[in-house]
């Protein structure tokens, strides 16, 4: 567990690289916004979260639906709290007028799909 990072993960670096190649400039993990988004685009009032499929329970992929077999009660409650916290943070950001995009770990693999998703999100 000690080796699991919350910043500069491979999916996050892929999203950052793609956003930069598309010409979008951003800041990283601002502490003044709820939930400390991974990327913030202040001029567009938009944020991007890069979520790990397991930690944030992405329901449509294999990692998101898996719960460890040992200490099931602990893990199911922890992962449920993560999902509740994510929903609360997104509601708070939207109420402050921010646009929110969630990129799942499994979606950060394809650069072309990610680039088109970013363009749709920013409306360009």
N, C-alpha and C. Protein backbone atom coordinates (compact mmCIF):
# COMPACT_ATOMS: atom_id res chain seq x y z
N UNK A 1 0.82 -1.20 0.00
CA UNK A 1 0.00 0.00 0.00
C UNK A 1 0.86 1.26 0.00
N UNK A 2 2.04 1.17 0.55
CA UNK A 2 2.92 2.31 0.65
C UNK A 2 3.35 2.80 -0.74
N UNK A 3 3.39 1.89 -1.70
CA UNK A 3 3.87 2.23 -3.03
C UNK A 3 2.80 2.88 -3.91
N UNK A 4 1.56 2.94 -3.44
CA UNK A 4 0.49 3.52 -4.24
C UNK A 4 0.54 5.04 -4.11
N UNK A 5 0.64 5.69 -5.25
CA UNK A 5 0.78 7.14 -5.26
C UNK A 5 -0.56 7.80 -5.55
N UNK A 6 -0.68 9.04 -5.10
CA UNK A 6 -1.90 9.79 -5.40
C UNK A 6 -1.63 10.86 -6.45
N UNK A 7 -0.37 11.09 -6.76
CA UNK A 7 -0.02 12.10 -7.76
C UNK A 7 1.01 11.53 -8.72
N UNK A 8 1.02 12.08 -9.93
CA UNK A 8 1.96 11.67 -10.98
C UNK A 8 1.87 10.19 -11.31
N UNK A 9 0.66 9.66 -11.33
CA UNK A 9 0.46 8.27 -11.71
C UNK A 9 0.53 8.17 -13.23
N UNK A 10 0.68 6.97 -13.74
CA UNK A 10 0.79 6.78 -15.19
C UNK A 10 -0.45 7.30 -15.93
N UNK A 11 -1.68 7.00 -15.46
CA UNK A 11 -2.85 7.57 -16.16
C UNK A 11 -2.90 9.10 -16.10
N UNK A 12 -2.52 9.66 -14.96
CA UNK A 12 -2.52 11.12 -14.84
C UNK A 12 -1.52 11.74 -15.80
N UNK A 13 -0.34 11.17 -15.90
CA UNK A 13 0.67 11.68 -16.82
C UNK A 13 0.20 11.58 -18.26
N UNK A 14 -0.54 10.52 -18.59
CA UNK A 14 -1.07 10.36 -19.94
C UNK A 14 -2.10 11.46 -20.25
N UNK A 15 -2.96 11.75 -19.28
CA UNK A 15 -3.96 12.80 -19.48
C UNK A 15 -3.29 14.17 -19.59
N UNK A 16 -2.32 14.43 -18.74
CA UNK A 16 -1.59 15.70 -18.81
C UNK A 16 -0.89 15.86 -20.15
N UNK A 17 -0.26 14.80 -20.62
CA UNK A 17 0.45 14.85 -21.89
C UNK A 17 -0.52 15.11 -23.04
N UNK A 18 -1.64 14.44 -23.03
CA UNK A 18 -2.64 14.61 -24.08
C UNK A 18 -3.21 16.03 -24.06
N UNK A 19 -3.54 16.54 -22.88
CA UNK A 19 -4.08 17.89 -22.77
C UNK A 19 -3.07 18.91 -23.27
N UNK A 20 -1.82 18.72 -22.95
CA UNK A 20 -0.77 19.64 -23.38
C UNK A 20 -0.60 19.59 -24.90
N UNK A 21 -0.61 18.39 -25.47
CA UNK A 21 -0.50 18.24 -26.93
C UNK A 21 -1.67 18.89 -27.65
N UNK A 22 -2.84 18.88 -27.03
CA UNK A 22 -4.03 19.51 -27.63
C UNK A 22 -4.01 21.03 -27.48
N UNK A 23 -3.04 21.55 -26.76
CA UNK A 23 -2.90 22.99 -26.61
C UNK A 23 -3.55 23.57 -25.37
N UNK A 24 -4.01 22.74 -24.48
CA UNK A 24 -4.64 23.23 -23.25
C UNK A 24 -3.58 23.39 -22.18
N UNK A 25 -3.57 24.53 -21.52
CA UNK A 25 -2.62 24.77 -20.44
C UNK A 25 -3.36 24.70 -19.11
N UNK A 26 -2.69 24.15 -18.12
CA UNK A 26 -3.38 23.81 -16.87
C UNK A 26 -2.45 23.94 -15.69
N UNK A 27 -3.06 23.95 -14.51
CA UNK A 27 -2.34 23.88 -13.25
C UNK A 27 -2.56 22.50 -12.64
N UNK A 28 -1.77 22.18 -11.63
CA UNK A 28 -1.84 20.86 -11.01
C UNK A 28 -2.28 20.95 -9.56
N UNK A 29 -3.20 20.07 -9.17
CA UNK A 29 -3.65 19.86 -7.80
C UNK A 29 -3.72 21.12 -6.93
N UNK A 30 -4.61 22.06 -7.28
CA UNK A 30 -4.74 23.27 -6.45
C UNK A 30 -5.36 22.93 -5.10
N UNK A 31 -4.84 23.54 -4.08
CA UNK A 31 -5.35 23.25 -2.73
C UNK A 31 -6.56 24.12 -2.38
N UNK A 32 -6.86 25.12 -3.20
CA UNK A 32 -7.98 26.01 -2.89
C UNK A 32 -9.31 25.51 -3.43
N UNK A 33 -9.31 24.39 -4.16
CA UNK A 33 -10.56 23.84 -4.69
C UNK A 33 -10.92 22.56 -3.95
N UNK A 34 -12.21 22.28 -3.81
CA UNK A 34 -12.62 21.05 -3.13
C UNK A 34 -12.10 19.81 -3.86
N UNK A 35 -11.60 18.86 -3.13
CA UNK A 35 -11.15 17.60 -3.70
C UNK A 35 -9.79 17.61 -4.36
N UNK A 36 -9.14 18.75 -4.45
CA UNK A 36 -7.84 18.89 -5.10
C UNK A 36 -7.81 18.17 -6.45
N UNK A 37 -8.47 18.73 -7.47
CA UNK A 37 -8.49 18.08 -8.79
C UNK A 37 -7.08 17.88 -9.33
N UNK A 38 -6.92 16.89 -10.21
CA UNK A 38 -5.60 16.60 -10.77
C UNK A 38 -5.15 17.70 -11.73
N UNK A 39 -6.05 18.20 -12.56
CA UNK A 39 -5.74 19.27 -13.49
C UNK A 39 -6.79 20.36 -13.35
N UNK A 40 -6.35 21.61 -13.36
CA UNK A 40 -7.29 22.72 -13.28
C UNK A 40 -7.00 23.68 -14.43
N UNK A 41 -8.07 24.09 -15.11
CA UNK A 41 -8.00 25.02 -16.24
C UNK A 41 -8.76 26.27 -15.79
N UNK A 42 -8.07 27.17 -15.12
CA UNK A 42 -8.73 28.32 -14.49
C UNK A 42 -9.40 29.22 -15.51
N UNK A 43 -8.77 29.44 -16.66
CA UNK A 43 -9.36 30.34 -17.66
C UNK A 43 -10.66 29.78 -18.22
N UNK A 44 -10.81 28.46 -18.19
CA UNK A 44 -12.02 27.81 -18.69
C UNK A 44 -12.95 27.41 -17.56
N UNK A 45 -12.52 27.65 -16.33
CA UNK A 45 -13.27 27.26 -15.12
C UNK A 45 -13.68 25.79 -15.21
N UNK A 46 -12.65 24.95 -15.45
CA UNK A 46 -12.88 23.52 -15.61
C UNK A 46 -11.80 22.75 -14.86
N UNK A 47 -12.18 21.57 -14.38
CA UNK A 47 -11.22 20.70 -13.69
C UNK A 47 -11.35 19.28 -14.23
N UNK A 48 -10.26 18.52 -14.10
CA UNK A 48 -10.26 17.12 -14.49
C UNK A 48 -9.74 16.30 -13.31
N UNK A 49 -10.48 15.25 -13.00
CA UNK A 49 -10.03 14.26 -12.04
C UNK A 49 -9.63 13.02 -12.82
N UNK A 50 -8.49 12.43 -12.49
CA UNK A 50 -8.07 11.16 -13.08
C UNK A 50 -8.23 10.12 -11.98
N UNK A 51 -9.25 9.27 -12.14
CA UNK A 51 -9.58 8.30 -11.10
C UNK A 51 -9.06 6.92 -11.44
N UNK A 52 -8.51 6.26 -10.43
CA UNK A 52 -8.15 4.86 -10.56
C UNK A 52 -9.41 4.02 -10.50
N UNK A 53 -9.52 3.04 -11.38
CA UNK A 53 -10.75 2.23 -11.47
C UNK A 53 -11.04 1.49 -10.16
N UNK A 54 -10.02 0.97 -9.50
CA UNK A 54 -10.25 0.25 -8.25
C UNK A 54 -10.62 1.20 -7.12
N UNK A 55 -9.83 2.25 -6.92
CA UNK A 55 -10.02 3.13 -5.76
C UNK A 55 -11.32 3.91 -5.80
N UNK A 56 -11.80 4.20 -7.00
CA UNK A 56 -13.02 4.99 -7.11
C UNK A 56 -14.18 4.17 -7.68
N UNK A 57 -13.98 2.85 -7.81
CA UNK A 57 -15.02 1.89 -8.17
C UNK A 57 -15.71 2.21 -9.49
N UNK A 58 -14.93 2.16 -10.56
CA UNK A 58 -15.49 2.31 -11.91
C UNK A 58 -16.26 1.04 -12.23
N UNK A 59 -17.55 1.14 -12.28
CA UNK A 59 -18.41 -0.03 -12.40
C UNK A 59 -18.32 -0.78 -13.70
N UNK A 60 -17.84 -0.17 -14.78
CA UNK A 60 -17.86 -0.84 -16.08
C UNK A 60 -16.57 -1.58 -16.41
N UNK A 61 -15.59 -1.56 -15.57
CA UNK A 61 -14.37 -2.32 -15.86
C UNK A 61 -14.09 -3.33 -14.74
N UNK A 62 -13.23 -4.26 -15.02
CA UNK A 62 -12.98 -5.37 -14.10
C UNK A 62 -12.42 -4.88 -12.76
N UNK A 63 -11.45 -3.95 -12.79
CA UNK A 63 -10.86 -3.45 -11.55
C UNK A 63 -11.87 -2.72 -10.68
N UNK A 64 -12.83 -2.06 -11.30
CA UNK A 64 -13.80 -1.28 -10.54
C UNK A 64 -14.81 -2.11 -9.77
N UNK A 65 -15.03 -3.33 -10.20
CA UNK A 65 -16.04 -4.14 -9.53
C UNK A 65 -15.43 -5.15 -8.57
N UNK A 66 -14.13 -5.16 -8.48
CA UNK A 66 -13.44 -6.15 -7.65
C UNK A 66 -13.24 -5.61 -6.23
N UNK A 67 -13.49 -6.45 -5.27
CA UNK A 67 -13.21 -6.12 -3.86
C UNK A 67 -12.29 -7.23 -3.34
N UNK A 68 -11.20 -6.86 -2.65
CA UNK A 68 -10.28 -7.89 -2.15
C UNK A 68 -11.00 -8.92 -1.28
N UNK A 69 -10.53 -10.15 -1.33
CA UNK A 69 -11.19 -11.23 -0.59
C UNK A 69 -10.90 -11.19 0.90
N UNK A 70 -9.76 -10.64 1.27
CA UNK A 70 -9.46 -10.55 2.69
C UNK A 70 -9.97 -9.21 3.23
N UNK A 71 -10.50 -9.24 4.41
CA UNK A 71 -11.01 -8.05 5.08
C UNK A 71 -12.05 -7.31 4.24
N UNK A 72 -12.99 -8.07 3.71
CA UNK A 72 -14.01 -7.54 2.81
C UNK A 72 -14.80 -6.37 3.42
N UNK A 73 -15.14 -6.46 4.69
CA UNK A 73 -15.94 -5.41 5.32
C UNK A 73 -15.20 -4.07 5.27
N UNK A 74 -13.92 -4.09 5.63
CA UNK A 74 -13.11 -2.88 5.61
C UNK A 74 -13.07 -2.28 4.20
N UNK A 75 -12.75 -3.12 3.21
CA UNK A 75 -12.59 -2.63 1.84
C UNK A 75 -13.89 -2.13 1.25
N UNK A 76 -14.97 -2.84 1.48
CA UNK A 76 -16.24 -2.39 0.90
C UNK A 76 -16.65 -1.04 1.50
N UNK A 77 -16.46 -0.86 2.80
CA UNK A 77 -16.79 0.42 3.43
C UNK A 77 -15.86 1.53 2.94
N UNK A 78 -14.57 1.25 2.84
CA UNK A 78 -13.61 2.25 2.37
C UNK A 78 -13.94 2.71 0.96
N UNK A 79 -14.20 1.77 0.08
CA UNK A 79 -14.49 2.11 -1.31
C UNK A 79 -15.83 2.82 -1.44
N UNK A 80 -16.78 2.47 -0.60
CA UNK A 80 -18.07 3.17 -0.58
C UNK A 80 -17.87 4.63 -0.12
N UNK A 81 -17.03 4.83 0.89
CA UNK A 81 -16.73 6.20 1.35
C UNK A 81 -16.07 7.02 0.24
N UNK A 82 -15.16 6.38 -0.51
CA UNK A 82 -14.50 7.07 -1.62
C UNK A 82 -15.54 7.56 -2.63
N UNK A 83 -16.49 6.70 -2.98
CA UNK A 83 -17.52 7.09 -3.96
C UNK A 83 -18.40 8.22 -3.43
N UNK A 84 -18.75 8.15 -2.15
CA UNK A 84 -19.57 9.23 -1.56
C UNK A 84 -18.79 10.54 -1.56
N UNK A 85 -17.52 10.48 -1.19
CA UNK A 85 -16.68 11.69 -1.18
C UNK A 85 -16.57 12.27 -2.58
N UNK A 86 -16.37 11.42 -3.60
CA UNK A 86 -16.27 11.90 -4.97
C UNK A 86 -17.53 12.64 -5.39
N UNK A 87 -18.69 12.06 -5.08
CA UNK A 87 -19.96 12.69 -5.45
C UNK A 87 -20.13 14.04 -4.74
N UNK A 88 -19.74 14.09 -3.47
CA UNK A 88 -19.86 15.33 -2.69
C UNK A 88 -18.94 16.41 -3.29
N UNK A 89 -17.72 16.05 -3.66
CA UNK A 89 -16.77 17.01 -4.22
C UNK A 89 -17.27 17.53 -5.56
N UNK A 90 -17.80 16.65 -6.39
CA UNK A 90 -18.30 17.07 -7.70
C UNK A 90 -19.48 18.02 -7.55
N UNK A 91 -20.39 17.71 -6.64
CA UNK A 91 -21.53 18.61 -6.38
C UNK A 91 -21.04 19.98 -5.93
N UNK A 92 -20.06 20.00 -5.04
CA UNK A 92 -19.52 21.26 -4.52
C UNK A 92 -18.88 22.09 -5.64
N UNK A 93 -18.06 21.44 -6.47
CA UNK A 93 -17.41 22.16 -7.57
C UNK A 93 -18.44 22.71 -8.55
N UNK A 94 -19.44 21.92 -8.88
CA UNK A 94 -20.48 22.39 -9.81
C UNK A 94 -21.26 23.55 -9.22
N UNK A 95 -21.50 23.50 -7.91
CA UNK A 95 -22.23 24.61 -7.28
C UNK A 95 -21.39 25.89 -7.28
N UNK A 96 -20.08 25.74 -7.36
CA UNK A 96 -19.19 26.91 -7.45
C UNK A 96 -19.01 27.38 -8.89
N UNK A 97 -19.64 26.68 -9.84
CA UNK A 97 -19.59 27.09 -11.24
C UNK A 97 -18.50 26.44 -12.08
N UNK A 98 -17.88 25.38 -11.58
CA UNK A 98 -16.81 24.69 -12.31
C UNK A 98 -17.39 23.55 -13.14
N UNK A 99 -16.80 23.34 -14.33
CA UNK A 99 -17.12 22.17 -15.13
C UNK A 99 -16.20 21.05 -14.67
N UNK A 100 -16.73 19.84 -14.57
CA UNK A 100 -15.96 18.71 -14.03
C UNK A 100 -15.94 17.57 -15.04
N UNK A 101 -14.74 17.03 -15.28
CA UNK A 101 -14.59 15.85 -16.13
C UNK A 101 -13.84 14.79 -15.33
N UNK A 102 -14.36 13.57 -15.38
CA UNK A 102 -13.68 12.45 -14.72
C UNK A 102 -13.11 11.57 -15.83
N UNK A 103 -11.83 11.33 -15.77
CA UNK A 103 -11.18 10.40 -16.69
C UNK A 103 -10.77 9.19 -15.87
N UNK A 104 -11.29 8.03 -16.26
CA UNK A 104 -10.96 6.81 -15.55
C UNK A 104 -9.65 6.25 -16.05
N UNK A 105 -8.97 5.54 -15.18
CA UNK A 105 -7.69 4.92 -15.49
C UNK A 105 -7.75 4.11 -16.79
N UNK A 106 -8.80 3.36 -17.00
CA UNK A 106 -8.92 2.52 -18.20
C UNK A 106 -9.17 3.35 -19.45
N UNK A 107 -9.63 4.59 -19.31
CA UNK A 107 -9.89 5.46 -20.46
C UNK A 107 -8.66 6.26 -20.87
N UNK A 108 -7.65 6.29 -20.02
CA UNK A 108 -6.45 7.09 -20.30
C UNK A 108 -5.48 6.35 -21.20
N UNK A 109 -5.86 5.16 -21.67
CA UNK A 109 -4.96 4.33 -22.47
C UNK A 109 -4.90 4.84 -23.91
N UNK A 110 -6.04 5.12 -24.51
CA UNK A 110 -6.10 5.53 -25.91
C UNK A 110 -5.97 7.04 -26.04
N UNK A 111 -4.88 7.48 -26.64
CA UNK A 111 -4.64 8.91 -26.79
C UNK A 111 -5.62 9.60 -27.71
N UNK A 112 -6.04 8.93 -28.80
CA UNK A 112 -6.95 9.58 -29.74
C UNK A 112 -8.34 9.74 -29.13
N UNK A 113 -8.83 8.73 -28.42
CA UNK A 113 -10.13 8.84 -27.77
C UNK A 113 -10.10 9.89 -26.67
N UNK A 114 -8.99 9.93 -25.95
CA UNK A 114 -8.85 10.91 -24.87
C UNK A 114 -8.83 12.33 -25.44
N UNK A 115 -8.10 12.53 -26.52
CA UNK A 115 -8.02 13.85 -27.14
C UNK A 115 -9.40 14.32 -27.61
N UNK A 116 -10.17 13.43 -28.23
CA UNK A 116 -11.51 13.83 -28.69
C UNK A 116 -12.43 14.10 -27.50
N UNK A 117 -12.25 13.34 -26.42
CA UNK A 117 -13.06 13.58 -25.22
C UNK A 117 -12.73 14.93 -24.60
N UNK A 118 -11.45 15.29 -24.57
CA UNK A 118 -11.06 16.61 -24.05
C UNK A 118 -11.62 17.71 -24.91
N UNK A 119 -11.56 17.56 -26.23
CA UNK A 119 -12.11 18.60 -27.12
C UNK A 119 -13.61 18.76 -26.91
N UNK A 120 -14.33 17.65 -26.76
CA UNK A 120 -15.78 17.73 -26.48
C UNK A 120 -16.03 18.44 -25.15
N UNK A 121 -15.23 18.12 -24.15
CA UNK A 121 -15.40 18.71 -22.82
C UNK A 121 -15.21 20.23 -22.87
N UNK A 122 -14.19 20.65 -23.60
CA UNK A 122 -13.90 22.09 -23.67
C UNK A 122 -14.70 22.80 -24.76
N UNK A 123 -15.41 22.02 -25.59
CA UNK A 123 -16.25 22.63 -26.60
C UNK A 123 -15.48 23.21 -27.77
N UNK A 124 -14.36 22.58 -28.11
CA UNK A 124 -13.59 23.09 -29.25
C UNK A 124 -13.25 21.98 -30.21
